[in-house]
């Protein structure tokens, strides 16, 4: 009988963890896309003529504003138009378009955009890795934790903490509580992890019945 109660309790904790991650998932992806646009926009200013950079930056900002106004369809269309023109601004717009497609629930199209970005030999490695990270997050949100793990495994450098967070959440979704707890605890205790990652890891750890 005690074993049955433990199993039920574990299932409840797992469901709580899944729900918590669903709440954070959109925030994590959205914040990451904004970071891409911000960093990429800076590089755009450095490598393009001032007039072209100003116009591209303004159009990116307009598309991002539509996203902030909770108009994903309009934002996706604005990003897509800019993406079609190529160049540095087009690369950043492709990330924005993929994110807005995901917000609309068009998971297949969003994944296709991220897969294309990850395979784009003309894009800098950091952008290809970011595409893999976002792809993993979308796979997890779509209920495919194994695919999420496969997408982000091996990511290192500045993305290693976000990749580890995604993997830990995927382990929780798979019911692999011990592995999930270990992953979130490592993140919560890692002084090099971003503050937001550590905070979310601590909350996920508590939801799974671990200790922060």
N, C-alpha and C. Protein backbone atom coordinates (compact mmCIF):
# COMPACT_ATOMS: atom_id res chain seq x y z
N UNK A 1 0.82 -1.19 0.00
CA UNK A 1 0.00 0.00 0.00
C UNK A 1 0.86 1.26 0.00
N UNK A 2 1.94 1.24 0.78
CA UNK A 2 2.84 2.39 0.83
C UNK A 2 3.43 2.68 -0.54
N UNK A 3 3.75 1.63 -1.29
CA UNK A 3 4.31 1.80 -2.63
C UNK A 3 3.31 2.51 -3.54
N UNK A 4 2.03 2.17 -3.41
CA UNK A 4 1.00 2.81 -4.23
C UNK A 4 0.94 4.30 -3.93
N UNK A 5 0.97 4.65 -2.63
CA UNK A 5 0.91 6.05 -2.26
C UNK A 5 2.14 6.81 -2.78
N UNK A 6 3.30 6.16 -2.74
CA UNK A 6 4.51 6.81 -3.25
C UNK A 6 4.39 7.06 -4.75
N UNK A 7 3.83 6.07 -5.47
CA UNK A 7 3.68 6.22 -6.92
C UNK A 7 2.73 7.37 -7.24
N UNK A 8 1.63 7.43 -6.51
CA UNK A 8 0.66 8.51 -6.73
C UNK A 8 1.29 9.85 -6.43
N UNK A 9 2.02 9.93 -5.31
CA UNK A 9 2.66 11.18 -4.92
C UNK A 9 3.67 11.62 -5.98
N UNK A 10 4.41 10.66 -6.53
CA UNK A 10 5.39 10.98 -7.56
C UNK A 10 4.71 11.49 -8.82
N UNK A 11 3.57 10.88 -9.17
CA UNK A 11 2.83 11.33 -10.35
C UNK A 11 2.33 12.76 -10.16
N UNK A 12 1.85 13.06 -8.95
CA UNK A 12 1.37 14.41 -8.66
C UNK A 12 2.50 15.41 -8.78
N UNK A 13 3.68 15.08 -8.23
CA UNK A 13 4.82 15.98 -8.32
C UNK A 13 5.24 16.19 -9.77
N UNK A 14 5.22 15.10 -10.54
CA UNK A 14 5.60 15.20 -11.95
C UNK A 14 4.65 16.12 -12.70
N UNK A 15 3.35 15.99 -12.43
CA UNK A 15 2.37 16.85 -13.10
C UNK A 15 2.55 18.31 -12.70
N UNK A 16 2.87 18.54 -11.43
CA UNK A 16 3.13 19.91 -10.97
C UNK A 16 4.33 20.49 -11.69
N UNK A 17 5.37 19.68 -11.86
CA UNK A 17 6.58 20.14 -12.54
C UNK A 17 6.29 20.45 -14.00
N UNK A 18 5.47 19.58 -14.63
CA UNK A 18 5.12 19.83 -16.04
C UNK A 18 4.36 21.14 -16.19
N UNK A 19 3.41 21.36 -15.29
CA UNK A 19 2.61 22.58 -15.34
C UNK A 19 3.47 23.81 -15.12
N UNK A 20 4.42 23.72 -14.19
CA UNK A 20 5.31 24.83 -13.91
C UNK A 20 6.17 25.13 -15.12
N UNK A 21 6.68 24.07 -15.76
CA UNK A 21 7.51 24.30 -16.94
C UNK A 21 6.69 24.91 -18.08
N UNK A 22 5.44 24.47 -18.23
CA UNK A 22 4.60 25.05 -19.27
C UNK A 22 4.42 26.54 -19.05
N UNK A 23 4.33 26.93 -17.78
CA UNK A 23 4.20 28.35 -17.46
C UNK A 23 5.47 29.10 -17.82
N UNK A 24 6.62 28.50 -17.55
CA UNK A 24 7.89 29.16 -17.81
C UNK A 24 8.32 29.06 -19.27
N UNK A 25 7.88 28.00 -19.96
CA UNK A 25 8.39 27.74 -21.30
C UNK A 25 8.25 28.91 -22.24
N UNK A 26 7.06 29.51 -22.30
CA UNK A 26 6.83 30.65 -23.19
C UNK A 26 7.74 31.81 -22.81
N UNK A 27 7.89 32.06 -21.50
CA UNK A 27 8.74 33.15 -21.04
C UNK A 27 10.19 32.92 -21.45
N UNK A 28 10.66 31.70 -21.29
CA UNK A 28 12.05 31.39 -21.61
C UNK A 28 12.32 31.62 -23.09
N UNK A 29 11.43 31.09 -23.94
CA UNK A 29 11.62 31.24 -25.37
C UNK A 29 11.53 32.71 -25.77
N UNK A 30 10.52 33.41 -25.24
CA UNK A 30 10.36 34.81 -25.59
C UNK A 30 11.55 35.65 -25.18
N UNK A 31 12.06 35.43 -23.97
CA UNK A 31 13.22 36.18 -23.50
C UNK A 31 14.44 35.88 -24.35
N UNK A 32 14.59 34.63 -24.74
CA UNK A 32 15.74 34.25 -25.55
C UNK A 32 15.68 34.91 -26.92
N UNK A 33 14.49 34.95 -27.52
CA UNK A 33 14.35 35.58 -28.84
C UNK A 33 14.66 37.07 -28.74
N UNK A 34 14.17 37.72 -27.69
CA UNK A 34 14.47 39.14 -27.51
C UNK A 34 15.96 39.37 -27.37
N UNK A 35 16.65 38.43 -26.68
CA UNK A 35 18.10 38.55 -26.54
C UNK A 35 18.79 38.42 -27.88
N UNK A 36 18.31 37.50 -28.70
CA UNK A 36 18.87 37.33 -30.04
C UNK A 36 18.71 38.61 -30.84
N UNK A 37 17.51 39.20 -30.79
CA UNK A 37 17.25 40.41 -31.54
C UNK A 37 18.11 41.57 -31.03
N UNK A 38 18.29 41.64 -29.72
CA UNK A 38 19.08 42.73 -29.15
C UNK A 38 20.55 42.61 -29.54
N UNK A 39 21.12 41.42 -29.34
CA UNK A 39 22.53 41.20 -29.66
C UNK A 39 22.75 41.30 -31.17
N UNK A 40 21.85 40.66 -31.92
CA UNK A 40 21.98 40.70 -33.36
C UNK A 40 21.83 42.10 -33.91
N UNK A 41 20.91 42.86 -33.30
CA UNK A 41 20.73 44.24 -33.74
C UNK A 41 21.98 45.06 -33.55
N UNK A 42 22.70 44.83 -32.46
CA UNK A 42 23.95 45.53 -32.22
C UNK A 42 24.97 45.19 -33.30
N UNK A 43 25.09 43.90 -33.62
CA UNK A 43 26.02 43.49 -34.66
C UNK A 43 25.62 44.07 -36.01
N UNK A 44 24.31 44.19 -36.24
CA UNK A 44 23.82 44.75 -37.50
C UNK A 44 24.30 46.19 -37.65
N UNK A 45 24.22 46.92 -36.58
CA UNK A 45 24.67 48.31 -36.62
C UNK A 45 26.17 48.39 -36.93
N UNK A 46 26.91 47.43 -36.49
CA UNK A 46 28.36 47.46 -36.68
C UNK A 46 28.79 47.08 -38.09
N UNK A 47 27.98 46.27 -38.78
CA UNK A 47 28.40 45.69 -40.05
C UNK A 47 27.61 46.19 -41.26
N UNK A 48 26.61 47.03 -41.07
CA UNK A 48 25.85 47.56 -42.19
C UNK A 48 25.98 49.07 -42.26
N UNK A 49 25.66 49.66 -43.41
CA UNK A 49 25.66 51.10 -43.52
C UNK A 49 24.62 51.67 -42.58
N UNK A 50 24.84 52.88 -42.13
CA UNK A 50 23.99 53.47 -41.11
C UNK A 50 22.53 53.53 -41.56
N UNK A 51 22.28 53.95 -42.80
CA UNK A 51 20.90 54.08 -43.26
C UNK A 51 20.19 52.72 -43.30
N UNK A 52 20.87 51.73 -43.88
CA UNK A 52 20.27 50.40 -43.98
C UNK A 52 20.07 49.80 -42.60
N UNK A 53 21.05 50.00 -41.73
CA UNK A 53 20.94 49.45 -40.38
C UNK A 53 19.78 50.08 -39.64
N UNK A 54 19.60 51.40 -39.83
CA UNK A 54 18.52 52.09 -39.13
C UNK A 54 17.17 51.56 -39.60
N UNK A 55 17.02 51.38 -40.92
CA UNK A 55 15.75 50.89 -41.44
C UNK A 55 15.47 49.47 -40.96
N UNK A 56 16.49 48.60 -41.04
CA UNK A 56 16.31 47.21 -40.62
C UNK A 56 16.00 47.13 -39.14
N UNK A 57 16.71 47.93 -38.34
CA UNK A 57 16.49 47.93 -36.90
C UNK A 57 15.07 48.40 -36.58
N UNK A 58 14.60 49.41 -37.31
CA UNK A 58 13.26 49.93 -37.07
C UNK A 58 12.20 48.88 -37.41
N UNK A 59 12.41 48.15 -38.50
CA UNK A 59 11.44 47.12 -38.89
C UNK A 59 11.45 45.96 -37.90
N UNK A 60 12.64 45.60 -37.41
CA UNK A 60 12.70 44.56 -36.38
C UNK A 60 11.97 45.00 -35.12
N UNK A 61 12.17 46.26 -34.77
CA UNK A 61 11.51 46.79 -33.58
C UNK A 61 10.00 46.81 -33.76
N UNK A 62 9.54 47.16 -34.95
CA UNK A 62 8.11 47.18 -35.21
C UNK A 62 7.51 45.77 -35.10
N UNK A 63 8.22 44.80 -35.67
CA UNK A 63 7.74 43.42 -35.59
C UNK A 63 7.72 42.94 -34.14
N UNK A 64 8.77 43.27 -33.40
CA UNK A 64 8.83 42.89 -31.99
C UNK A 64 7.72 43.56 -31.19
N UNK A 65 7.37 44.78 -31.57
CA UNK A 65 6.29 45.49 -30.88
C UNK A 65 4.96 44.78 -31.09
N UNK A 66 4.75 44.29 -32.31
CA UNK A 66 3.53 43.54 -32.59
C UNK A 66 3.46 42.28 -31.72
N UNK A 67 4.63 41.64 -31.55
CA UNK A 67 4.69 40.46 -30.68
C UNK A 67 4.35 40.85 -29.25
N UNK A 68 4.88 41.99 -28.81
CA UNK A 68 4.60 42.46 -27.45
C UNK A 68 3.16 42.84 -27.24
N UNK A 69 2.47 43.19 -28.32
CA UNK A 69 1.05 43.55 -28.25
C UNK A 69 0.16 42.32 -28.37
N UNK A 70 0.79 41.14 -28.33
CA UNK A 70 0.06 39.87 -28.41
C UNK A 70 -0.67 39.75 -29.75
N UNK A 71 0.06 40.06 -30.82
CA UNK A 71 -0.46 39.91 -32.19
C UNK A 71 0.48 38.99 -32.96
N UNK A 72 0.51 37.71 -32.58
CA UNK A 72 1.49 36.80 -33.17
C UNK A 72 1.38 36.65 -34.69
N UNK A 73 0.17 36.67 -35.22
CA UNK A 73 0.00 36.51 -36.66
C UNK A 73 0.60 37.70 -37.40
N UNK A 74 0.29 38.90 -36.92
CA UNK A 74 0.84 40.11 -37.55
C UNK A 74 2.35 40.17 -37.39
N UNK A 75 2.83 39.80 -36.20
CA UNK A 75 4.26 39.81 -35.95
C UNK A 75 4.98 38.81 -36.85
N UNK A 76 4.40 37.61 -36.98
CA UNK A 76 5.01 36.59 -37.84
C UNK A 76 5.10 37.06 -39.28
N UNK A 77 4.05 37.73 -39.77
CA UNK A 77 4.05 38.24 -41.14
C UNK A 77 5.11 39.32 -41.31
N UNK A 78 5.26 40.19 -40.32
CA UNK A 78 6.26 41.25 -40.40
C UNK A 78 7.67 40.67 -40.38
N UNK A 79 7.90 39.69 -39.50
CA UNK A 79 9.20 39.04 -39.46
C UNK A 79 9.48 38.29 -40.78
N UNK A 80 8.45 37.61 -41.32
CA UNK A 80 8.62 36.83 -42.54
C UNK A 80 9.02 37.73 -43.71
N UNK A 81 8.38 38.91 -43.79
CA UNK A 81 8.70 39.84 -44.88
C UNK A 81 10.15 40.28 -44.81
N UNK A 82 10.64 40.54 -43.62
CA UNK A 82 12.02 40.96 -43.45
C UNK A 82 12.97 39.78 -43.66
N UNK A 83 12.56 38.60 -43.22
CA UNK A 83 13.39 37.41 -43.39
C UNK A 83 13.62 37.11 -44.86
N UNK A 84 12.61 37.35 -45.69
CA UNK A 84 12.71 37.06 -47.11
C UNK A 84 13.77 37.90 -47.81
N UNK A 85 14.14 39.01 -47.20
CA UNK A 85 15.12 39.90 -47.82
C UNK A 85 16.56 39.46 -47.53
N UNK A 86 16.72 38.50 -46.62
CA UNK A 86 18.05 37.99 -46.32
C UNK A 86 18.90 38.97 -45.53
N UNK A 87 20.19 38.71 -45.52
CA UNK A 87 21.11 39.57 -44.78
C UNK A 87 21.02 39.38 -43.28
N UNK A 88 21.73 40.24 -42.56
CA UNK A 88 21.76 40.12 -41.11
C UNK A 88 20.40 40.32 -40.47
N UNK A 89 19.66 41.33 -40.96
CA UNK A 89 18.33 41.57 -40.41
C UNK A 89 17.41 40.40 -40.71
N UNK A 90 17.56 39.83 -41.91
CA UNK A 90 16.73 38.70 -42.28
C UNK A 90 16.97 37.50 -41.40
N UNK A 91 18.22 37.29 -41.01
CA UNK A 91 18.55 36.17 -40.12
C UNK A 91 17.84 36.32 -38.79
N UNK A 92 17.90 37.51 -38.23
CA UNK A 92 17.25 37.75 -36.94
C UNK A 92 15.73 37.63 -37.07
N UNK A 93 15.20 38.11 -38.19
CA UNK A 93 13.77 38.04 -38.41
C UNK A 93 13.29 36.59 -38.50
N UNK A 94 14.14 35.71 -39.00
CA UNK A 94 13.76 34.29 -39.08
C UNK A 94 13.51 33.73 -37.69
N UNK A 95 14.32 34.14 -36.73
CA UNK A 95 14.09 33.70 -35.34
C UNK A 95 12.75 34.24 -34.83
N UNK A 96 12.51 35.52 -35.11
CA UNK A 96 11.26 36.11 -34.66
C UNK A 96 10.05 35.44 -35.29
N UNK A 97 10.13 35.15 -36.58
CA UNK A 97 9.02 34.48 -37.25
C UNK A 97 8.75 33.11 -36.63
N UNK A 98 9.80 32.35 -36.40
CA UNK A 98 9.64 31.02 -35.81
C UNK A 98 8.98 31.09 -34.44
N UNK A 99 9.40 32.05 -33.64
CA UNK A 99 8.83 32.20 -32.30
C UNK A 99 7.34 32.54 -32.37
N UNK A 100 6.98 33.42 -33.29
CA UNK A 100 5.57 33.81 -33.40
C UNK A 100 4.71 32.69 -33.97
N UNK A 101 5.26 31.90 -34.87
CA UNK A 101 4.53 30.74 -35.37
C UNK A 101 4.25 29.76 -34.23
N UNK A 102 5.24 29.60 -33.36
CA UNK A 102 5.05 28.72 -32.20
C UNK A 102 3.96 29.26 -31.29
N UNK A 103 3.93 30.57 -31.10
CA UNK A 103 2.90 31.18 -30.25
C UNK A 103 1.51 30.98 -30.82
N UNK A 104 1.41 30.90 -32.15
CA UNK A 104 0.12 30.67 -32.79
C UNK A 104 -0.31 29.21 -32.71
N UNK A 105 0.63 28.35 -32.25
CA UNK A 105 0.31 26.93 -32.17
C UNK A 105 0.70 26.17 -33.42
N UNK A 106 1.38 26.85 -34.37
CA UNK A 106 1.82 26.19 -35.60
C UNK A 106 3.19 25.56 -35.34
N UNK A 107 3.18 24.51 -34.55
CA UNK A 107 4.43 23.88 -34.12
C UNK A 107 5.24 23.35 -35.29
N UNK A 108 4.60 22.73 -36.24
CA UNK A 108 5.32 22.14 -37.37
C UNK A 108 6.09 23.20 -38.15
N UNK A 109 5.45 24.35 -38.41
CA UNK A 109 6.12 25.42 -39.15
C UNK A 109 7.26 26.03 -38.33
N UNK A 110 7.02 26.20 -37.03
CA UNK A 110 8.07 26.75 -36.16
C UNK A 110 9.29 25.84 -36.15
N UNK A 111 9.05 24.54 -36.00
CA UNK A 111 10.17 23.59 -35.99
C UNK A 111 10.90 23.59 -37.32
N UNK A 112 10.16 23.71 -38.40
CA UNK A 112 10.80 23.74 -39.72
C UNK A 112 11.72 24.95 -39.85
N UNK A 113 11.27 26.09 -39.32
CA UNK A 113 12.10 27.31 -39.37
C UNK A 113 13.37 27.13 -38.54
N UNK A 114 13.22 26.57 -37.35
CA UNK A 114 14.40 26.38 -36.49
C UNK A 114 15.36 25.35 -37.08
N UNK A 115 14.82 24.30 -37.67
CA UNK A 115 15.67 23.29 -38.30
C UNK A 115 16.46 23.89 -39.45
N UNK A 116 15.82 24.76 -40.23
CA UNK A 116 16.51 25.41 -41.35
C UNK A 116 17.61 26.33 -40.83
N UNK A 117 17.32 27.04 -39.75
CA UNK A 117 18.34 27.92 -39.16
C UNK A 117 19.52 27.12 -38.63
N UNK A 118 19.23 26.01 -37.96
CA UNK A 118 20.28 25.17 -37.40
C UNK A 118 21.17 24.58 -38.48
N UNK A 119 20.62 24.39 -39.68
CA UNK A 119 21.38 23.78 -40.78
C UNK A 119 21.98 24.81 -41.72
N UNK A 120 21.78 26.09 -41.44
CA UNK A 120 22.24 27.16 -42.32
C UNK A 120 23.75 27.38 -42.16
N UNK A 121 24.50 26.93 -43.14
CA UNK A 121 25.96 27.04 -43.06
C UNK A 121 26.43 28.49 -43.11
N UNK A 122 25.59 29.39 -43.61
CA UNK A 122 25.98 30.80 -43.69
C UNK A 122 25.78 31.54 -42.37
N UNK A 123 25.04 30.94 -41.45
CA UNK A 123 24.81 31.57 -40.15
C UNK A 123 25.97 31.26 -39.21
N UNK A 124 26.27 32.19 -38.33
CA UNK A 124 27.34 31.97 -37.35
C UNK A 124 26.95 30.83 -36.43
N UNK A 125 27.94 30.09 -35.92
CA UNK A 125 27.66 28.94 -35.05
C UNK A 125 26.73 29.27 -33.88
N UNK A 126 26.87 30.46 -33.30
CA UNK A 126 26.02 30.81 -32.15
C UNK A 126 24.56 30.83 -32.53
N UNK A 127 24.26 31.28 -33.75
CA UNK A 127 22.86 31.31 -34.19
C UNK A 127 22.35 29.91 -34.50
N UNK A 128 23.20 29.07 -35.05
CA UNK A 128 22.78 27.69 -35.31
C UNK A 128 22.51 26.97 -34.01
N UNK A 129 23.36 27.22 -33.01
CA UNK A 129 23.14 26.60 -31.69
C UNK A 129 21.86 27.12 -31.03
N UNK A 130 21.61 28.43 -31.18
CA UNK A 130 20.38 28.99 -30.62
C UNK A 130 19.15 28.37 -31.25
N UNK A 131 19.23 28.13 -32.55
CA UNK A 131 18.12 27.49 -33.24
C UNK A 131 17.88 26.09 -32.68
N UNK A 132 18.96 25.38 -32.38
CA UNK A 132 18.82 24.05 -31.79
C UNK A 132 18.17 24.13 -30.41
N UNK A 133 18.58 25.13 -29.64
CA UNK A 133 18.00 25.30 -28.31
C UNK A 133 16.51 25.58 -28.39
N UNK A 134 16.12 26.51 -29.25
CA UNK A 134 14.70 26.84 -29.40
C UNK A 134 13.92 25.64 -29.94
N UNK A 135 14.55 24.90 -30.84
CA UNK A 135 13.91 23.71 -31.37
C UNK A 135 13.61 22.73 -30.23
N UNK A 136 14.58 22.55 -29.34
CA UNK A 136 14.37 21.65 -28.21
C UNK A 136 13.25 22.12 -27.31
N UNK A 137 13.18 23.43 -27.07
CA UNK A 137 12.12 23.96 -26.22
C UNK A 137 10.74 23.74 -26.84
N UNK A 138 10.66 23.93 -28.16
CA UNK A 138 9.39 23.73 -28.84
C UNK A 138 8.99 22.25 -28.82
N UNK A 139 9.96 21.38 -29.03
CA UNK A 139 9.68 19.94 -28.98
C UNK A 139 9.14 19.55 -27.61
N UNK A 140 9.73 20.10 -26.56
CA UNK A 140 9.28 19.80 -25.20
C UNK A 140 7.86 20.31 -24.98
N UNK A 141 7.59 21.53 -25.44
CA UNK A 141 6.27 22.11 -25.29
C UNK A 141 5.23 21.30 -26.07
N UNK A 142 5.67 20.66 -27.16
CA UNK A 142 4.77 19.86 -27.99
C UNK A 142 4.57 18.45 -27.44
N UNK A 143 5.20 18.15 -26.31
CA UNK A 143 5.02 16.84 -25.69
C UNK A 143 5.94 15.78 -26.24
N UNK A 144 7.09 16.19 -26.77
CA UNK A 144 8.07 15.23 -27.29
C UNK A 144 9.41 15.41 -26.55
N UNK A 145 9.45 14.98 -25.29
CA UNK A 145 10.66 15.21 -24.48
C UNK A 145 11.90 14.52 -25.04
N UNK A 146 11.75 13.33 -25.65
CA UNK A 146 12.93 12.66 -26.21
C UNK A 146 13.54 13.50 -27.33
N UNK A 147 12.69 14.07 -28.18
CA UNK A 147 13.17 14.91 -29.27
C UNK A 147 13.82 16.18 -28.72
N UNK A 148 13.28 16.68 -27.62
CA UNK A 148 13.84 17.88 -26.99
C UNK A 148 15.26 17.62 -26.51
N UNK A 149 15.45 16.48 -25.86
CA UNK A 149 16.78 16.11 -25.36
C UNK A 149 17.76 15.96 -26.53
N UNK A 150 17.32 15.29 -27.57
CA UNK A 150 18.18 15.07 -28.73
C UNK A 150 18.59 16.39 -29.37
N UNK A 151 17.70 17.38 -29.35
CA UNK A 151 17.98 18.66 -29.99
C UNK A 151 19.02 19.48 -29.23
N UNK A 152 19.00 19.43 -27.91
CA UNK A 152 19.87 20.32 -27.14
C UNK A 152 21.10 19.65 -26.55
N UNK A 153 21.16 18.34 -26.58
CA UNK A 153 22.35 17.66 -26.05
C UNK A 153 23.58 18.12 -26.81
N UNK A 154 24.63 18.40 -26.09
CA UNK A 154 25.86 18.80 -26.74
C UNK A 154 26.05 20.30 -26.84
N UNK A 155 25.00 21.09 -26.57
CA UNK A 155 25.15 22.54 -26.61
C UNK A 155 26.02 22.97 -25.42
N UNK A 156 26.94 23.86 -25.69
CA UNK A 156 27.89 24.25 -24.64
C UNK A 156 28.02 25.78 -24.60
N UNK A 157 29.06 26.24 -23.96
CA UNK A 157 29.29 27.67 -23.87
C UNK A 157 28.17 28.39 -23.15
N UNK A 158 27.76 29.54 -23.68
CA UNK A 158 26.75 30.36 -23.03
C UNK A 158 25.39 29.71 -23.00
N UNK A 159 25.19 28.71 -23.84
CA UNK A 159 23.87 28.05 -23.92
C UNK A 159 23.77 26.82 -23.03
N UNK A 160 24.83 26.47 -22.35
CA UNK A 160 24.84 25.19 -21.64
C UNK A 160 23.80 25.16 -20.52
N UNK A 161 23.57 26.28 -19.85
CA UNK A 161 22.61 26.27 -18.75
C UNK A 161 21.17 26.13 -19.26
N UNK A 162 20.86 26.84 -20.34
CA UNK A 162 19.51 26.71 -20.91
C UNK A 162 19.29 25.31 -21.45
N UNK A 163 20.33 24.72 -22.03
CA UNK A 163 20.22 23.35 -22.54
C UNK A 163 20.00 22.38 -21.38
N UNK A 164 20.74 22.56 -20.30
CA UNK A 164 20.60 21.69 -19.13
C UNK A 164 19.22 21.83 -18.51
N UNK A 165 18.69 23.05 -18.50
CA UNK A 165 17.35 23.30 -17.97
C UNK A 165 16.30 22.56 -18.80
N UNK A 166 16.46 22.63 -20.11
CA UNK A 166 15.52 21.95 -21.01
C UNK A 166 15.59 20.44 -20.82
N UNK A 167 16.80 19.91 -20.69
CA UNK A 167 16.96 18.47 -20.50
C UNK A 167 16.34 18.02 -19.18
N UNK A 168 16.56 18.79 -18.11
CA UNK A 168 15.99 18.43 -16.82
C UNK A 168 14.46 18.43 -16.89
N UNK A 169 13.90 19.43 -17.58
CA UNK A 169 12.44 19.48 -17.72
C UNK A 169 11.94 18.31 -18.55
N UNK A 170 12.70 17.93 -19.56
CA UNK A 170 12.32 16.78 -20.39
C UNK A 170 12.36 15.50 -19.57
N UNK A 171 13.36 15.36 -18.70
CA UNK A 171 13.43 14.18 -17.84
C UNK A 171 12.21 14.12 -16.92
N UNK A 172 11.81 15.29 -16.42
CA UNK A 172 10.61 15.33 -15.56
C UNK A 172 9.38 14.90 -16.35
N UNK A 173 9.29 15.37 -17.59
CA UNK A 173 8.14 15.02 -18.43
C UNK A 173 8.10 13.52 -18.73
N UNK A 174 9.27 12.91 -18.79
CA UNK A 174 9.36 11.48 -19.04
C UNK A 174 9.11 10.65 -17.78
N UNK A 175 8.97 11.32 -16.64
CA UNK A 175 8.77 10.62 -15.38
C UNK A 175 10.07 10.15 -14.75
N UNK A 176 11.20 10.63 -15.29
CA UNK A 176 12.52 10.26 -14.75
C UNK A 176 12.87 11.25 -13.64
N UNK A 177 12.17 11.12 -12.53
CA UNK A 177 12.26 12.11 -11.46
C UNK A 177 13.66 12.26 -10.88
N UNK A 178 14.33 11.14 -10.67
CA UNK A 178 15.68 11.21 -10.07
C UNK A 178 16.62 12.01 -10.95
N UNK A 179 16.60 11.75 -12.25
CA UNK A 179 17.46 12.48 -13.18
C UNK A 179 17.07 13.95 -13.25
N UNK A 180 15.75 14.21 -13.23
CA UNK A 180 15.28 15.59 -13.29
C UNK A 180 15.72 16.37 -12.06
N UNK A 181 15.56 15.76 -10.89
CA UNK A 181 15.97 16.41 -9.64
C UNK A 181 17.46 16.71 -9.67
N UNK A 182 18.25 15.75 -10.11
CA UNK A 182 19.70 15.95 -10.17
C UNK A 182 20.05 17.11 -11.10
N UNK A 183 19.35 17.18 -12.25
CA UNK A 183 19.62 18.24 -13.20
C UNK A 183 19.26 19.61 -12.67
N UNK A 184 18.09 19.73 -12.06
CA UNK A 184 17.67 21.02 -11.53
C UNK A 184 18.50 21.43 -10.32
N UNK A 185 18.90 20.46 -9.51
CA UNK A 185 19.73 20.79 -8.34
C UNK A 185 21.08 21.33 -8.78
N UNK A 186 21.67 20.71 -9.82
CA UNK A 186 22.95 21.18 -10.33
C UNK A 186 22.84 22.62 -10.83
N UNK A 187 21.73 22.93 -11.47
CA UNK A 187 21.53 24.30 -11.96
C UNK A 187 21.28 25.27 -10.81
N UNK A 188 20.46 24.87 -9.85
CA UNK A 188 20.14 25.75 -8.73
C UNK A 188 21.38 26.09 -7.91
N UNK A 189 22.33 25.15 -7.87
CA UNK A 189 23.55 25.34 -7.07
C UNK A 189 24.71 25.91 -7.87
N UNK A 190 24.52 26.12 -9.17
CA UNK A 190 25.61 26.58 -10.03
C UNK A 190 25.73 28.10 -10.00
N UNK A 191 26.80 28.64 -9.40
CA UNK A 191 26.93 30.10 -9.30
C UNK A 191 27.13 30.77 -10.66
N UNK A 192 27.49 29.98 -11.67
CA UNK A 192 27.71 30.56 -13.00
C UNK A 192 26.42 30.61 -13.82
N UNK A 193 25.38 29.93 -13.36
CA UNK A 193 24.11 29.94 -14.08
C UNK A 193 23.42 31.29 -13.90
N UNK A 194 22.72 31.77 -14.92
CA UNK A 194 21.98 33.05 -14.78
C UNK A 194 20.99 32.98 -13.63
N UNK A 195 20.72 34.12 -13.04
CA UNK A 195 19.82 34.19 -11.88
C UNK A 195 18.45 33.58 -12.21
N UNK A 196 17.91 33.91 -13.38
CA UNK A 196 16.61 33.39 -13.75
C UNK A 196 16.60 31.88 -13.85
N UNK A 197 17.66 31.31 -14.38
CA UNK A 197 17.77 29.85 -14.51
C UNK A 197 17.82 29.22 -13.13
N UNK A 198 18.61 29.79 -12.23
CA UNK A 198 18.72 29.24 -10.87
C UNK A 198 17.39 29.31 -10.15
N UNK A 199 16.68 30.43 -10.32
CA UNK A 199 15.38 30.58 -9.64
C UNK A 199 14.38 29.55 -10.16
N UNK A 200 14.31 29.41 -11.49
CA UNK A 200 13.37 28.43 -12.05
C UNK A 200 13.74 27.02 -11.63
N UNK A 201 15.05 26.73 -11.61
CA UNK A 201 15.50 25.40 -11.22
C UNK A 201 15.10 25.09 -9.78
N UNK A 202 15.21 26.08 -8.91
CA UNK A 202 14.83 25.88 -7.50
C UNK A 202 13.33 25.61 -7.38
N UNK A 203 12.53 26.32 -8.17
CA UNK A 203 11.08 26.10 -8.13
C UNK A 203 10.71 24.73 -8.68
N UNK A 204 11.36 24.34 -9.78
CA UNK A 204 11.10 23.02 -10.34
C UNK A 204 11.54 21.93 -9.37
N UNK A 205 12.64 22.17 -8.69
CA UNK A 205 13.16 21.21 -7.71
C UNK A 205 12.16 21.01 -6.59
N UNK A 206 11.60 22.12 -6.10
CA UNK A 206 10.60 22.03 -5.04
C UNK A 206 9.36 21.29 -5.54
N UNK A 207 8.96 21.57 -6.78
CA UNK A 207 7.76 20.91 -7.33
C UNK A 207 7.97 19.39 -7.45
N UNK A 208 9.20 18.99 -7.67
CA UNK A 208 9.50 17.57 -7.82
C UNK A 208 9.78 16.88 -6.50
N UNK A 209 9.74 17.65 -5.42
CA UNK A 209 9.96 17.06 -4.10
C UNK A 209 11.42 16.98 -3.71
N UNK A 210 12.28 17.70 -4.46
CA UNK A 210 13.70 17.74 -4.10
C UNK A 210 13.95 18.86 -3.13
N UNK A 211 15.20 19.12 -2.86
CA UNK A 211 15.56 20.23 -1.96
C UNK A 211 16.43 21.20 -2.70
N UNK A 212 16.17 22.47 -2.54
CA UNK A 212 16.95 23.49 -3.26
C UNK A 212 18.19 23.85 -2.47
